[in-house]
Amino acid sequence: MACPICSKPAQKPYSPFCSRRCADVDLSRWLKGGYAIPGGGAGEDEGDGVPGPNSGENNDLEDR
């Protein structure tokens, strides 16, 4: 198996990486947000089942 960072052969103590350096490079990418799953923006409502503050649902105070 090849190291996903530099393509050298992986070494057992650092599997799937070849060295501590490549493992640290990968960790740094994760921590900085270099790896992300594409998706909608954070402010978009995709119907998660939780009513928003302006949704008109469960506004008992307005009905009184």
Protein backbone atom coordinates (compact mmCIF):
# COMPACT_ATOMS: atom_id res chain seq x y z
CA MET A 1 0.00 0.00 0.00
CA ALA A 2 1.29 3.46 -0.86
CA CYS A 3 1.33 6.42 1.51
CA PRO A 4 -1.61 8.73 0.65
CA ILE A 5 0.59 11.82 1.19
CA CYS A 6 3.82 11.06 -0.71
CA SER A 7 3.14 7.69 -2.43
CA LYS A 8 6.11 5.93 -0.81
CA PRO A 9 5.51 2.42 0.57
CA ALA A 10 3.62 2.49 3.88
CA GLN A 11 5.47 1.46 7.04
CA LYS A 12 3.74 -0.68 9.66
CA PRO A 13 4.24 1.66 12.67
CA TYR A 14 2.65 4.58 10.75
CA SER A 15 0.15 2.68 8.59
CA PRO A 16 -1.30 3.81 6.22
CA PHE A 17 1.50 6.41 6.06
CA CYS A 18 5.22 5.94 5.44
CA SER A 19 6.45 8.12 8.30
CA ARG A 20 5.46 10.22 11.29
CA ARG A 21 5.90 13.31 9.10
CA CYS A 22 3.26 12.18 6.57
CA ALA A 23 0.90 11.22 9.41
CA ASP A 24 1.35 14.72 10.87
CA VAL A 25 0.75 16.34 7.47
CA ASP A 26 -2.53 14.43 7.18
CA LEU A 27 -3.58 15.42 10.73
CA SER A 28 -2.79 19.05 9.98
CA ARG A 29 -4.98 18.93 6.87
CA TRP A 30 -7.86 17.56 8.95
CA LEU A 31 -7.45 20.18 11.67
CA LYS A 32 -7.26 23.07 9.19
CA GLY A 33 -10.38 21.89 7.33
CA GLY A 34 -8.49 20.78 4.24
CA TYR A 35 -10.72 17.74 3.96
CA ALA A 36 -14.41 18.52 3.64
CA ILE A 37 -17.53 16.89 2.28
CA PRO A 38 -19.18 19.12 -0.33
CA GLY A 39 -22.63 20.27 0.67
CA GLY A 40 -24.96 23.19 1.12
CA GLY A 41 -24.08 26.32 3.03
CA ALA A 42 -24.41 26.47 6.79
CA GLY A 43 -27.32 28.92 6.68
CA GLU A 44 -29.52 26.90 4.35
CA ASP A 45 -32.65 25.22 5.74
CA GLU A 46 -32.93 21.71 4.38
CA GLY A 47 -35.90 20.60 6.44
CA ASP A 48 -34.06 19.01 9.33
CA GLY A 49 -37.29 18.65 11.30
CA VAL A 50 -36.44 21.41 13.75
CA PRO A 51 -38.62 24.50 13.38
CA GLY A 52 -36.71 27.75 13.05
CA PRO A 53 -37.43 30.90 15.02
CA ASN A 54 -39.56 32.38 12.21
CA SER A 55 -41.23 29.19 11.01
CA GLY A 56 -44.63 29.89 12.59
CA GLU A 57 -44.62 26.49 14.28
CA ASN A 58 -44.95 26.14 18.05
CA ASN A 59 -45.42 29.85 18.62
CA ASP A 60 -47.85 29.49 21.52
CA LEU A 61 -47.05 32.95 22.86
CA GLU A 62 -48.33 34.64 19.70
CA ASP A 63 -51.69 32.82 19.88
CA ARG A 64 -52.49 34.09 23.40
